[in-house]
Amino acid sequence: MTTDQSQEFLFQRIKEMLSPDISMVDRVSEILHVSSDSAYRRIRGDTPLVLEEVKVLCDHFRVSLDRLLDIKSGFILFQTERIHPQYFTFENYMGNILKQLQQVNGYLKKEIIYLSKDLPFFYNFSTDALFAFHYFFWMKSILRHPDFEKRHFTMDCLGPEIRKTGTEILHTYNQIPSTEIWNTECINSIIFQVEYYKEAGLFHSTGDIKTIYEAVEQVISHLKNQAENGCKYLPGENPELKKNNLKFFYNRVTLGDNTILAVTDHVKTVFLNYDVMNYMQTRDEKFCNDTYDNLRALIRRSTQISNTSEKQRNIFFNILLTKIQDRKLNL
């Protein structure tokens, strides 16, 4: 690219990343500490950006300098923030996820494609019992938070603010048109976690274990209803009043991983899960387009069981529910 083309490309990418209600002139002015008129001249191309300004903008908006300068380095820029008890708490983590979903939901054109090997993250907030267990599991076994080191599981471990944020996350996700790609292994991890805690003696009673398994059953049954109706909604809501915004696919091709692709207007963002809870994200154009093509290819080889294929839908969800029922019988 020429210098003019690189500057035009940078501001085009920034425009695509901003929510529709945010002024690019005001945002650039704030980041570069220049007047609105100076920011406008840079956006229009009348004033060339200096190298330090390019660096500041690329750092802030996570734009690859290689991509900007059309350098074929093979490197991809990812953004991540690991959960840390002091610097980036679980509350910050939840708040960031809610903010990102709200930003996606703010666009006219929007879609989330979710390839899952576990119960999709957003559904952990469907019931208090399931949310409480996963919160406890994350804090004790994954984050190893000192406050949970010697604790046993209790249903009241959720604070009101955490519960509220979880509800808002699920509510926002339900508003975004989504394509979910599942396989029959998706609930294995929650079963392994419950069984591990049972064997480790971290439950006060068998009743608590049963309650968690019943919560998983409730979530799976509700998901079956969502797939049948082709829309996402909270328990108790009337699906007939909701828009068709869910495509559900039964994937028997590959186990896959936890990959989320958000598509908004002209921008794609990939979120990759690692270390159980943490995730990294990128807007690298080639990587996102390759991910999109791979997901579309997998969808073509999977069976759609939303709005159609009642027999396949019943087979799929019966497999999941049978796994839970078998565990309940062994309590």
C-alpha atoms as a PDB file:
ATOM      1  CA  MET A   1       0.000   0.000   0.000  1.00  0.00           C
ATOM      2  CA  THR A   2       1.029   3.622  -0.496  1.00  0.00           C
ATOM      3  CA  THR A   3       1.156   5.911   2.540  1.00  0.00           C
ATOM      4  CA  ASP A   4      -2.175   7.485   1.568  1.00  0.00           C
ATOM      5  CA  GLN A   5      -3.775   4.072   1.109  1.00  0.00           C
ATOM      6  CA  SER A   6      -2.418   2.861   4.477  1.00  0.00           C
ATOM      7  CA  GLN A   7      -3.831   5.887   6.273  1.00  0.00           C
ATOM      8  CA  GLU A   8      -7.190   5.460   4.542  1.00  0.00           C
ATOM      9  CA  PHE A   9      -7.199   1.747   5.401  1.00  0.00           C
ATOM     10  CA  LEU A  10      -6.410   2.471   9.068  1.00  0.00           C
ATOM     11  CA  PHE A  11      -9.282   4.899   9.487  1.00  0.00           C
ATOM     12  CA  GLN A  12     -11.630   2.590   7.610  1.00  0.00           C
ATOM     13  CA  ARG A  13     -10.765  -0.203  10.063  1.00  0.00           C
ATOM     14  CA  ILE A  14     -11.262   2.158  13.009  1.00  0.00           C
ATOM     15  CA  LYS A  15     -14.656   3.206  11.659  1.00  0.00           C
ATOM     16  CA  GLU A  16     -15.689  -0.440  11.337  1.00  0.00           C
ATOM     17  CA  MET A  17     -14.677  -1.177  14.934  1.00  0.00           C
ATOM     18  CA  LEU A  18     -16.537   1.723  16.513  1.00  0.00           C
ATOM     19  CA  SER A  19     -20.141   1.400  17.594  1.00  0.00           C
ATOM     20  CA  PRO A  20     -22.519   3.336  15.299  1.00  0.00           C
ATOM     21  CA  ASP A  21     -23.293   5.834  18.079  1.00  0.00           C
ATOM     22  CA  ILE A  22     -19.627   6.843  18.577  1.00  0.00           C
ATOM     23  CA  SER A  23     -18.096   9.728  16.580  1.00  0.00           C
ATOM     24  CA  MET A  24     -14.810   8.703  14.972  1.00  0.00           C
ATOM     25  CA  VAL A  25     -13.612  12.316  14.945  1.00  0.00           C
ATOM     26  CA  ASP A  26     -14.213  12.664  18.683  1.00  0.00           C
ATOM     27  CA  ARG A  27     -12.585   9.294  19.432  1.00  0.00           C
ATOM     28  CA  VAL A  28      -9.469   9.987  17.346  1.00  0.00           C
ATOM     29  CA  SER A  29      -9.229  13.480  18.818  1.00  0.00           C
ATOM     30  CA  GLU A  30      -9.330  12.024  22.333  1.00  0.00           C
ATOM     31  CA  ILE A  31      -6.759   9.283  21.653  1.00  0.00           C
ATOM     32  CA  LEU A  32      -4.243  11.498  19.824  1.00  0.00           C
ATOM     33  CA  HIS A  33      -4.826  14.526  22.087  1.00  0.00           C
ATOM     34  CA  VAL A  34      -5.491  16.818  19.143  1.00  0.00           C
ATOM     35  CA  SER A  35      -8.369  19.135  18.276  1.00  0.00           C
ATOM     36  CA  SER A  36     -11.449  17.851  16.474  1.00  0.00           C
ATOM     37  CA  ASP A  37     -10.403  19.835  13.390  1.00  0.00           C
ATOM     38  CA  SER A  38      -6.932  18.238  13.443  1.00  0.00           C
ATOM     39  CA  ALA A  39      -8.453  14.777  13.855  1.00  0.00           C
ATOM     40  CA  TYR A  40     -10.800  15.419  10.934  1.00  0.00           C
ATOM     41  CA  ARG A  41      -7.899  16.497   8.679  1.00  0.00           C
ATOM     42  CA  ARG A  42      -6.067  13.251   9.509  1.00  0.00           C
ATOM     43  CA  ILE A  43      -9.159  11.138   8.851  1.00  0.00           C
ATOM     44  CA  ARG A  44      -9.747  12.941   5.550  1.00  0.00           C
ATOM     45  CA  GLY A  45      -6.085  12.475   4.585  1.00  0.00           C
ATOM     46  CA  ASP A  46      -5.203  16.174   4.383  1.00  0.00           C
ATOM     47  CA  THR A  47      -2.673  15.766   7.236  1.00  0.00           C
ATOM     48  CA  PRO A  48      -0.397  12.693   7.145  1.00  0.00           C
ATOM     49  CA  LEU A  49      -0.124  10.678  10.343  1.00  0.00           C
ATOM     50  CA  VAL A  50       3.296  10.572  11.942  1.00  0.00           C
ATOM     51  CA  LEU A  51       4.723   7.198  12.994  1.00  0.00           C
ATOM     52  CA  GLU A  52       3.999   7.761  16.697  1.00  0.00           C
ATOM     53  CA  GLU A  53       0.342   8.538  15.922  1.00  0.00           C
ATOM     54  CA  VAL A  54       0.068   5.372  13.823  1.00  0.00           C
ATOM     55  CA  LYS A  55       1.496   3.366  16.719  1.00  0.00           C
ATOM     56  CA  VAL A  56      -0.917   4.917  19.235  1.00  0.00           C
ATOM     57  CA  LEU A  57      -3.946   4.235  17.020  1.00  0.00           C
ATOM     58  CA  CYS A  58      -2.838   0.685  16.159  1.00  0.00           C
ATOM     59  CA  ASP A  59      -2.223  -0.113  19.834  1.00  0.00           C
ATOM     60  CA  HIS A  60      -5.565   1.314  20.927  1.00  0.00           C
ATOM     61  CA  PHE A  61      -7.698  -0.351  18.236  1.00  0.00           C
ATOM     62  CA  ARG A  62      -5.600  -3.542  18.015  1.00  0.00           C
ATOM     63  CA  VAL A  63      -4.883  -3.080  14.321  1.00  0.00           C
ATOM     64  CA  SER A  64      -1.970  -5.103  12.940  1.00  0.00           C
ATOM     65  CA  LEU A  65       0.819  -2.819  11.721  1.00  0.00           C
ATOM     66  CA  ASP A  66       1.893  -5.612   9.347  1.00  0.00           C
ATOM     67  CA  ARG A  67      -1.557  -5.591   7.801  1.00  0.00           C
ATOM     68  CA  LEU A  68      -1.584  -1.806   7.644  1.00  0.00           C
ATOM     69  CA  LEU A  69       1.741  -1.712   5.786  1.00  0.00           C
ATOM     70  CA  ASP A  70       0.871  -4.830   3.751  1.00  0.00           C
ATOM     71  CA  ILE A  71       3.811  -6.778   5.221  1.00  0.00           C
ATOM     72  CA  LYS A  72       3.472 -10.556   4.713  1.00  0.00           C
ATOM     73  CA  SER A  73       5.004 -11.566   8.047  1.00  0.00           C
ATOM     74  CA  GLY A  74       2.684 -14.448   8.911  1.00  0.00           C
ATOM     75  CA  PHE A  75       2.114 -12.980  12.375  1.00  0.00           C
ATOM     76  CA  ILE A  76      -1.371 -12.361  13.764  1.00  0.00           C
ATOM     77  CA  LEU A  77      -2.118  -9.819  16.486  1.00  0.00           C
ATOM     78  CA  PHE A  78      -4.287 -11.145  19.331  1.00  0.00           C
ATOM     79  CA  GLN A  79      -5.610  -9.243  22.322  1.00  0.00           C
ATOM     80  CA  THR A  80      -6.042 -10.927  25.690  1.00  0.00           C
ATOM     81  CA  GLU A  81      -6.396 -10.142  29.364  1.00  0.00           C
ATOM     82  CA  ARG A  82      -5.934 -13.024  31.782  1.00  0.00           C
ATOM     83  CA  ILE A  83      -8.030 -13.153  34.940  1.00  0.00           C
ATOM     84  CA  HIS A  84      -5.990 -12.160  37.989  1.00  0.00           C
ATOM     85  CA  PRO A  85      -7.320 -11.739  41.557  1.00  0.00           C
ATOM     86  CA  GLN A  86      -5.780  -8.243  41.808  1.00  0.00           C
ATOM     87  CA  TYR A  87      -5.375  -6.818  38.316  1.00  0.00           C
ATOM     88  CA  PHE A  88      -8.223  -8.322  36.323  1.00  0.00           C
ATOM     89  CA  THR A  89     -10.872  -9.856  38.544  1.00  0.00           C
ATOM     90  CA  PHE A  90     -13.686 -12.201  37.652  1.00  0.00           C
ATOM     91  CA  GLU A  91     -16.029  -9.212  37.928  1.00  0.00           C
ATOM     92  CA  ASN A  92     -13.916  -7.358  35.326  1.00  0.00           C
ATOM     93  CA  TYR A  93     -13.958 -10.478  33.147  1.00  0.00           C
ATOM     94  CA  MET A  94     -17.746 -10.716  33.248  1.00  0.00           C
ATOM     95  CA  GLY A  95     -18.126  -6.990  32.663  1.00  0.00           C
ATOM     96  CA  ASN A  96     -15.881  -7.152  29.583  1.00  0.00           C
ATOM     97  CA  ILE A  97     -17.902 -10.005  28.096  1.00  0.00           C
ATOM     98  CA  LEU A  98     -21.140  -8.075  28.647  1.00  0.00           C
ATOM     99  CA  LYS A  99     -19.628  -4.944  27.079  1.00  0.00           C
ATOM    100  CA  GLN A 100     -18.460  -6.870  24.001  1.00  0.00           C
ATOM    101  CA  LEU A 101     -21.883  -8.483  23.533  1.00  0.00           C
ATOM    102  CA  GLN A 102     -23.585  -5.103  23.881  1.00  0.00           C
ATOM    103  CA  GLN A 103     -21.241  -3.664  21.278  1.00  0.00           C
ATOM    104  CA  VAL A 104     -22.079  -6.485  18.850  1.00  0.00           C
ATOM    105  CA  ASN A 105     -25.794  -6.045  19.566  1.00  0.00           C
ATOM    106  CA  GLY A 106     -25.529  -2.338  18.756  1.00  0.00           C
ATOM    107  CA  TYR A 107     -24.972  -3.008  15.045  1.00  0.00           C
ATOM    108  CA  LEU A 108     -27.754  -3.369  12.508  1.00  0.00           C
ATOM    109  CA  LYS A 109     -26.073  -6.353  10.855  1.00  0.00           C
ATOM    110  CA  LYS A 110     -24.851  -8.856  13.436  1.00  0.00           C
ATOM    111  CA  GLU A 111     -24.353 -12.564  13.898  1.00  0.00           C
ATOM    112  CA  ILE A 112     -22.489 -14.873  16.257  1.00  0.00           C
ATOM    113  CA  ILE A 113     -21.245 -18.268  15.085  1.00  0.00           C
ATOM    114  CA  TYR A 114     -20.374 -20.489  18.042  1.00  0.00           C
ATOM    115  CA  LEU A 115     -18.487 -23.769  17.603  1.00  0.00           C
ATOM    116  CA  SER A 116     -18.570 -25.440  20.990  1.00  0.00           C
ATOM    117  CA  LYS A 117     -16.919 -28.431  22.592  1.00  0.00           C
ATOM    118  CA  ASP A 118     -18.486 -27.576  25.989  1.00  0.00           C
ATOM    119  CA  LEU A 119     -21.791 -26.162  27.118  1.00  0.00           C
ATOM    120  CA  PRO A 120     -21.650 -22.712  25.466  1.00  0.00           C
ATOM    121  CA  PHE A 121     -20.455 -20.145  27.981  1.00  0.00           C
ATOM    122  CA  PHE A 122     -23.580 -17.968  27.911  1.00  0.00           C
ATOM    123  CA  TYR A 123     -25.865 -20.820  28.999  1.00  0.00           C
ATOM    124  CA  ASN A 124     -24.048 -21.170  32.308  1.00  0.00           C
ATOM    125  CA  PHE A 125     -26.186 -18.255  33.471  1.00  0.00           C
ATOM    126  CA  SER A 126     -29.513 -19.928  32.629  1.00  0.00           C
ATOM    127  CA  THR A 127     -30.137 -21.166  36.194  1.00  0.00           C
ATOM    128  CA  ASP A 128     -28.792 -20.076  39.569  1.00  0.00           C
ATOM    129  CA  ALA A 129     -27.710 -23.615  40.478  1.00  0.00           C
ATOM    130  CA  LEU A 130     -25.638 -24.137  37.330  1.00  0.00           C
ATOM    131  CA  PHE A 131     -24.140 -20.641  37.541  1.00  0.00           C
ATOM    132  CA  ALA A 132     -23.298 -21.137  41.236  1.00  0.00           C
ATOM    133  CA  PHE A 133     -21.521 -24.431  40.556  1.00  0.00           C
ATOM    134  CA  HIS A 134     -19.506 -23.135  37.634  1.00  0.00           C
ATOM    135  CA  TYR A 135     -18.594 -19.945  39.479  1.00  0.00           C
ATOM    136  CA  PHE A 136     -17.359 -22.035  42.423  1.00  0.00           C
ATOM    137  CA  PHE A 137     -15.487 -24.405  40.090  1.00  0.00           C
ATOM    138  CA  TRP A 138     -13.834 -21.539  38.202  1.00  0.00           C
ATOM    139  CA  MET A 139     -12.800 -19.704  41.370  1.00  0.00           C
ATOM    140  CA  LYS A 140     -11.557 -22.787  43.256  1.00  0.00           C
ATOM    141  CA  SER A 141     -10.069 -25.105  40.633  1.00  0.00           C
ATOM    142  CA  ILE A 142      -9.170 -22.855  37.689  1.00  0.00           C
ATOM    143  CA  LEU A 143      -8.295 -19.476  39.208  1.00  0.00           C
ATOM    144  CA  ARG A 144      -7.264 -20.980  42.564  1.00  0.00           C
ATOM    145  CA  HIS A 145      -8.583 -17.927  44.362  1.00  0.00           C
ATOM    146  CA  PRO A 146      -7.349 -17.913  47.986  1.00  0.00           C
ATOM    147  CA  ASP A 147     -10.859 -17.209  49.324  1.00  0.00           C
ATOM    148  CA  PHE A 148     -12.024 -20.563  47.895  1.00  0.00           C
ATOM    149  CA  GLU A 149      -9.029 -22.695  48.849  1.00  0.00           C
ATOM    150  CA  LYS A 150     -10.639 -24.467  51.822  1.00  0.00           C
ATOM    151  CA  ARG A 151     -14.289 -23.979  50.917  1.00  0.00           C
ATOM    152  CA  HIS A 152     -16.868 -26.623  50.021  1.00  0.00           C
ATOM    153  CA  PHE A 153     -19.535 -25.910  47.447  1.00  0.00           C
ATOM    154  CA  THR A 154     -22.664 -24.072  48.556  1.00  0.00           C
ATOM    155  CA  MET A 155     -25.525 -22.753  46.462  1.00  0.00           C
ATOM    156  CA  ASP A 156     -25.204 -19.278  47.997  1.00  0.00           C
ATOM    157  CA  CYS A 157     -21.665 -18.604  46.711  1.00  0.00           C
ATOM    158  CA  LEU A 158     -22.935 -16.143  44.076  1.00  0.00           C
ATOM    159  CA  GLY A 159     -23.007 -12.462  44.980  1.00  0.00           C
ATOM    160  CA  PRO A 160     -25.920 -10.315  43.718  1.00  0.00           C
ATOM    161  CA  GLU A 161     -23.767  -8.275  41.310  1.00  0.00           C
ATOM    162  CA  ILE A 162     -22.214 -11.379  39.709  1.00  0.00           C
ATOM    163  CA  ARG A 163     -25.671 -12.936  39.339  1.00  0.00           C
ATOM    164  CA  LYS A 164     -27.027  -9.723  37.793  1.00  0.00           C
ATOM    165  CA  THR A 165     -24.179  -9.506  35.267  1.00  0.00           C
ATOM    166  CA  GLY A 166     -24.648 -13.152  34.292  1.00  0.00           C
ATOM    167  CA  THR A 167     -28.363 -12.538  33.657  1.00  0.00           C
ATOM    168  CA  GLU A 168     -27.543  -9.483  31.528  1.00  0.00           C
ATOM    169  CA  ILE A 169     -24.996 -11.481  29.505  1.00  0.00           C
ATOM    170  CA  LEU A 170     -27.553 -14.191  28.695  1.00  0.00           C
ATOM    171  CA  HIS A 171     -30.270 -11.615  27.941  1.00  0.00           C
ATOM    172  CA  THR A 172     -27.964  -9.743  25.536  1.00  0.00           C
ATOM    173  CA  TYR A 173     -26.780 -12.927  23.820  1.00  0.00           C
ATOM    174  CA  ASN A 174     -30.418 -13.922  23.292  1.00  0.00           C
ATOM    175  CA  GLN A 175     -30.956 -10.753  21.245  1.00  0.00           C
ATOM    176  CA  ILE A 176     -28.145 -11.496  18.764  1.00  0.00           C
ATOM    177  CA  PRO A 177     -28.835 -13.802  15.780  1.00  0.00           C
ATOM    178  CA  SER A 178     -26.673 -16.876  16.306  1.00  0.00           C
ATOM    179  CA  THR A 179     -25.574 -20.087  14.683  1.00  0.00           C
ATOM    180  CA  GLU A 180     -24.555 -22.734  17.223  1.00  0.00           C
ATOM    181  CA  ILE A 181     -22.634 -25.848  16.224  1.00  0.00           C
ATOM    182  CA  TRP A 182     -22.874 -28.630  18.825  1.00  0.00           C
ATOM    183  CA  ASN A 183     -21.892 -32.263  19.190  1.00  0.00           C
ATOM    184  CA  THR A 184     -22.875 -34.887  21.742  1.00  0.00           C
ATOM    185  CA  GLU A 185     -19.666 -34.313  23.750  1.00  0.00           C
ATOM    186  CA  CYS A 186     -20.633 -30.764  24.723  1.00  0.00           C
ATOM    187  CA  ILE A 187     -21.855 -31.615  28.227  1.00  0.00           C
ATOM    188  CA  ASN A 188     -19.049 -34.025  29.115  1.00  0.00           C
ATOM    189  CA  SER A 189     -16.996 -31.324  30.832  1.00  0.00           C
ATOM    190  CA  ILE A 190     -19.762 -30.318  33.274  1.00  0.00           C
ATOM    191  CA  ILE A 191     -20.303 -34.006  34.102  1.00  0.00           C
ATOM    192  CA  PHE A 192     -16.560 -34.527  34.704  1.00  0.00           C
ATOM    193  CA  GLN A 193     -16.435 -31.446  36.941  1.00  0.00           C
ATOM    194  CA  VAL A 194     -19.398 -32.527  39.077  1.00  0.00           C
ATOM    195  CA  GLU A 195     -18.089 -36.086  39.379  1.00  0.00           C
ATOM    196  CA  TYR A 196     -14.625 -34.843  40.340  1.00  0.00           C
ATOM    197  CA  TYR A 197     -16.058 -32.663  43.122  1.00  0.00           C
ATOM    198  CA  LYS A 198     -18.246 -35.559  44.285  1.00  0.00           C
ATOM    199  CA  GLU A 199     -15.238 -37.879  44.556  1.00  0.00           C
ATOM    200  CA  ALA A 200     -13.192 -35.139  46.252  1.00  0.00           C
ATOM    201  CA  GLY A 201     -15.887 -34.699  48.908  1.00  0.00           C
ATOM    202  CA  LEU A 202     -16.499 -31.042  48.086  1.00  0.00           C
ATOM    203  CA  PHE A 203     -20.295 -31.302  48.211  1.00  0.00           C
ATOM    204  CA  HIS A 204     -22.131 -31.085  51.526  1.00  0.00           C
ATOM    205  CA  SER A 205     -24.906 -33.416  50.344  1.00  0.00           C
ATOM    206  CA  THR A 206     -26.097 -35.642  47.524  1.00  0.00           C
ATOM    207  CA  GLY A 207     -29.018 -33.240  47.224  1.00  0.00           C
ATOM    208  CA  ASP A 208     -26.710 -30.503  45.961  1.00  0.00           C
ATOM    209  CA  ILE A 209     -25.331 -32.806  43.260  1.00  0.00           C
ATOM    210  CA  LYS A 210     -28.840 -33.744  42.199  1.00  0.00           C
ATOM    211  CA  THR A 211     -29.833 -30.077  42.056  1.00  0.00           C
ATOM    212  CA  ILE A 212     -26.933 -29.285  39.725  1.00  0.00           C
ATOM    213  CA  TYR A 213     -27.714 -32.189  37.424  1.00  0.00           C
ATOM    214  CA  GLU A 214     -31.377 -31.162  37.350  1.00  0.00           C
ATOM    215  CA  ALA A 215     -30.260 -27.638  36.422  1.00  0.00           C
ATOM    216  CA  VAL A 216     -28.263 -29.059  33.495  1.00  0.00           C
ATOM    217  CA  GLU A 217     -31.341 -31.057  32.433  1.00  0.00           C
ATOM    218  CA  GLN A 218     -33.414 -27.890  32.603  1.00  0.00           C
ATOM    219  CA  VAL A 219     -30.943 -25.998  30.426  1.00  0.00           C
ATOM    220  CA  ILE A 220     -30.743 -28.800  27.834  1.00  0.00           C
ATOM    221  CA  SER A 221     -34.542 -29.148  27.703  1.00  0.00           C
ATOM    222  CA  HIS A 222     -34.899 -25.394  27.203  1.00  0.00           C
ATOM    223  CA  LEU A 223     -32.276 -25.482  24.435  1.00  0.00           C
ATOM    224  CA  LYS A 224     -34.279 -28.210  22.731  1.00  0.00           C
ATOM    225  CA  ASN A 225     -37.325 -25.949  22.824  1.00  0.00           C
ATOM    226  CA  GLN A 226     -35.265 -23.069  21.454  1.00  0.00           C
ATOM    227  CA  ALA A 227     -34.026 -25.256  18.592  1.00  0.00           C
ATOM    228  CA  GLU A 228     -37.585 -26.370  17.860  1.00  0.00           C
ATOM    229  CA  ASN A 229     -38.784 -22.751  17.722  1.00  0.00           C
ATOM    230  CA  GLY A 230     -35.687 -21.387  16.014  1.00  0.00           C
ATOM    231  CA  CYS A 231     -35.281 -18.556  18.495  1.00  0.00           C
ATOM    232  CA  LYS A 232     -33.589 -17.709  21.789  1.00  0.00           C
ATOM    233  CA  TYR A 233     -35.637 -16.706  24.792  1.00  0.00           C
ATOM    234  CA  LEU A 234     -35.608 -16.945  28.571  1.00  0.00           C
ATOM    235  CA  PRO A 235     -37.653 -19.619  30.372  1.00  0.00           C
ATOM    236  CA  GLY A 236     -41.196 -18.352  30.819  1.00  0.00           C
ATOM    237  CA  GLU A 237     -41.081 -16.067  27.774  1.00  0.00           C
ATOM    238  CA  ASN A 238     -43.362 -16.703  24.799  1.00  0.00           C
ATOM    239  CA  PRO A 239     -41.245 -17.868  21.806  1.00  0.00           C
ATOM    240  CA  GLU A 240     -43.984 -16.754  19.414  1.00  0.00           C
ATOM    241  CA  LEU A 241     -43.169 -13.152  20.347  1.00  0.00           C
ATOM    242  CA  LYS A 242     -39.477 -13.606  19.513  1.00  0.00           C
ATOM    243  CA  LYS A 243     -37.656 -13.218  16.211  1.00  0.00           C
ATOM    244  CA  ASN A 244     -36.211 -16.254  14.464  1.00  0.00           C
ATOM    245  CA  ASN A 245     -32.607 -15.769  15.514  1.00  0.00           C
ATOM    246  CA  LEU A 246     -31.195 -19.238  16.204  1.00  0.00           C
ATOM    247  CA  LYS A 247     -29.778 -21.827  13.815  1.00  0.00           C
ATOM    248  CA  PHE A 248     -28.739 -24.979  15.623  1.00  0.00           C
ATOM    249  CA  PHE A 249     -26.502 -27.591  13.976  1.00  0.00           C
ATOM    250  CA  TYR A 250     -25.656 -31.129  15.052  1.00  0.00           C
ATOM    251  CA  ASN A 251     -21.999 -31.664  14.193  1.00  0.00           C
ATOM    252  CA  ARG A 252     -20.912 -35.281  13.795  1.00  0.00           C
ATOM    253  CA  VAL A 253     -17.822 -34.440  11.758  1.00  0.00           C
ATOM    254  CA  THR A 254     -15.303 -33.259  14.336  1.00  0.00           C
ATOM    255  CA  LEU A 255     -15.019 -32.572  18.062  1.00  0.00           C
ATOM    256  CA  GLY A 256     -14.059 -28.973  17.358  1.00  0.00           C
ATOM    257  CA  ASP A 257     -13.172 -26.388  19.987  1.00  0.00           C
ATOM    258  CA  ASN A 258     -14.631 -23.317  21.649  1.00  0.00           C
ATOM    259  CA  THR A 259     -14.488 -20.750  18.855  1.00  0.00           C
ATOM    260  CA  ILE A 260     -16.729 -17.701  18.621  1.00  0.00           C
ATOM    261  CA  LEU A 261     -16.925 -15.573  15.482  1.00  0.00           C
ATOM    262  CA  ALA A 262     -18.795 -12.258  15.722  1.00  0.00           C
ATOM    263  CA  VAL A 263     -19.793 -10.681  12.413  1.00  0.00           C
ATOM    264  CA  THR A 264     -20.916  -7.036  12.441  1.00  0.00           C
ATOM    265  CA  ASP A 265     -21.399  -4.953   9.292  1.00  0.00           C
ATOM    266  CA  HIS A 266     -17.941  -5.113   7.658  1.00  0.00           C
ATOM    267  CA  VAL A 267     -16.003  -6.428  10.672  1.00  0.00           C
ATOM    268  CA  LYS A 268     -15.327  -9.979  11.855  1.00  0.00           C
ATOM    269  CA  THR A 269     -13.871 -10.775  15.283  1.00  0.00           C
ATOM    270  CA  VAL A 270     -12.660 -14.213  16.397  1.00  0.00           C
ATOM    271  CA  PHE A 271     -12.579 -15.194  20.075  1.00  0.00           C
ATOM    272  CA  LEU A 272     -10.510 -18.270  20.946  1.00  0.00           C
ATOM    273  CA  ASN A 273     -10.850 -19.940  24.336  1.00  0.00           C
ATOM    274  CA  TYR A 274      -7.761 -21.168  26.228  1.00  0.00           C
ATOM    275  CA  ASP A 275      -6.909 -22.253  29.786  1.00  0.00           C
ATOM    276  CA  VAL A 276     -10.601 -23.118  30.387  1.00  0.00           C
ATOM    277  CA  MET A 277     -11.812 -19.549  30.986  1.00  0.00           C
ATOM    278  CA  ASN A 278      -9.442 -17.097  29.334  1.00  0.00           C
ATOM    279  CA  TYR A 279      -9.820 -16.058  25.725  1.00  0.00           C
ATOM    280  CA  MET A 280      -7.948 -14.079  23.112  1.00  0.00           C
ATOM    281  CA  GLN A 281      -9.445 -12.124  20.259  1.00  0.00           C
ATOM    282  CA  THR A 282      -8.372 -10.801  16.888  1.00  0.00           C
ATOM    283  CA  ARG A 283      -9.807  -8.766  14.034  1.00  0.00           C
ATOM    284  CA  ASP A 284      -7.041  -9.814  11.651  1.00  0.00           C
ATOM    285  CA  GLU A 285      -8.883  -9.824   8.344  1.00  0.00           C
ATOM    286  CA  LYS A 286      -7.308 -12.900   6.783  1.00  0.00           C
ATOM    287  CA  PHE A 287      -7.508 -14.983   9.959  1.00  0.00           C
ATOM    288  CA  CYS A 288     -11.153 -14.024  10.535  1.00  0.00           C
ATOM    289  CA  ASN A 289     -12.110 -14.722   6.922  1.00  0.00           C
ATOM    290  CA  ASP A 290     -10.351 -18.100   7.020  1.00  0.00           C
ATOM    291  CA  THR A 291     -12.152 -18.939  10.276  1.00  0.00           C
ATOM    292  CA  TYR A 292     -15.469 -17.869   8.748  1.00  0.00           C
ATOM    293  CA  ASP A 293     -14.885 -20.068   5.670  1.00  0.00           C
ATOM    294  CA  ASN A 294     -13.917 -23.055   7.850  1.00  0.00           C
ATOM    295  CA  LEU A 295     -17.007 -22.653  10.031  1.00  0.00           C
ATOM    296  CA  ARG A 296     -19.272 -22.355   6.981  1.00  0.00           C
ATOM    297  CA  ALA A 297     -17.706 -25.539   5.562  1.00  0.00           C
ATOM    298  CA  LEU A 298     -18.368 -27.356   8.859  1.00  0.00           C
ATOM    299  CA  ILE A 299     -21.968 -26.111   8.885  1.00  0.00           C
ATOM    300  CA  ARG A 300     -22.520 -27.543   5.404  1.00  0.00           C
ATOM    301  CA  ARG A 301     -21.379 -30.945   6.702  1.00  0.00           C
ATOM    302  CA  SER A 302     -23.564 -30.752   9.825  1.00  0.00           C
ATOM    303  CA  THR A 303     -27.290 -31.358  10.279  1.00  0.00           C
ATOM    304  CA  GLN A 304     -29.552 -28.417  11.007  1.00  0.00           C
ATOM    305  CA  ILE A 305     -31.973 -29.402  13.768  1.00  0.00           C
ATOM    306  CA  SER A 306     -33.603 -26.023  14.396  1.00  0.00           C
ATOM    307  CA  ASN A 307     -37.039 -25.456  12.824  1.00  0.00           C
ATOM    308  CA  THR A 308     -36.641 -28.786  11.024  1.00  0.00           C
ATOM    309  CA  SER A 309     -35.397 -32.386  11.351  1.00  0.00           C
ATOM    310  CA  GLU A 310     -37.541 -33.270  14.380  1.00  0.00           C
ATOM    311  CA  LYS A 311     -36.254 -36.847  14.428  1.00  0.00           C
ATOM    312  CA  GLN A 312     -32.598 -35.786  14.438  1.00  0.00           C
ATOM    313  CA  ARG A 313     -33.338 -33.100  17.021  1.00  0.00           C
ATOM    314  CA  ASN A 314     -34.941 -35.627  19.367  1.00  0.00           C
ATOM    315  CA  ILE A 315     -32.052 -38.071  18.902  1.00  0.00           C
ATOM    316  CA  PHE A 316     -29.458 -35.391  19.649  1.00  0.00           C
ATOM    317  CA  PHE A 317     -31.071 -33.989  22.787  1.00  0.00           C
ATOM    318  CA  ASN A 318     -32.047 -37.437  24.086  1.00  0.00           C
ATOM    319  CA  ILE A 319     -28.371 -38.415  23.975  1.00  0.00           C
ATOM    320  CA  LEU A 320     -27.499 -35.388  26.114  1.00  0.00           C
ATOM    321  CA  LEU A 321     -30.349 -35.898  28.574  1.00  0.00           C
ATOM    322  CA  THR A 322     -29.587 -39.614  28.932  1.00  0.00           C
ATOM    323  CA  LYS A 323     -26.035 -38.808  30.005  1.00  0.00           C
ATOM    324  CA  ILE A 324     -27.372 -36.649  32.841  1.00  0.00           C
ATOM    325  CA  GLN A 325     -30.069 -39.126  33.856  1.00  0.00           C
ATOM    326  CA  ASP A 326     -27.511 -41.929  34.045  1.00  0.00           C
ATOM    327  CA  ARG A 327     -25.435 -39.848  36.483  1.00  0.00           C
ATOM    328  CA  LYS A 328     -28.472 -39.108  38.633  1.00  0.00           C
ATOM    329  CA  LEU A 329     -29.217 -42.819  38.900  1.00  0.00           C
ATOM    330  CA  ASN A 330     -25.714 -43.397  40.264  1.00  0.00           C
ATOM    331  CA  LEU A 331     -26.039 -40.884  43.099  1.00  0.00           C
END
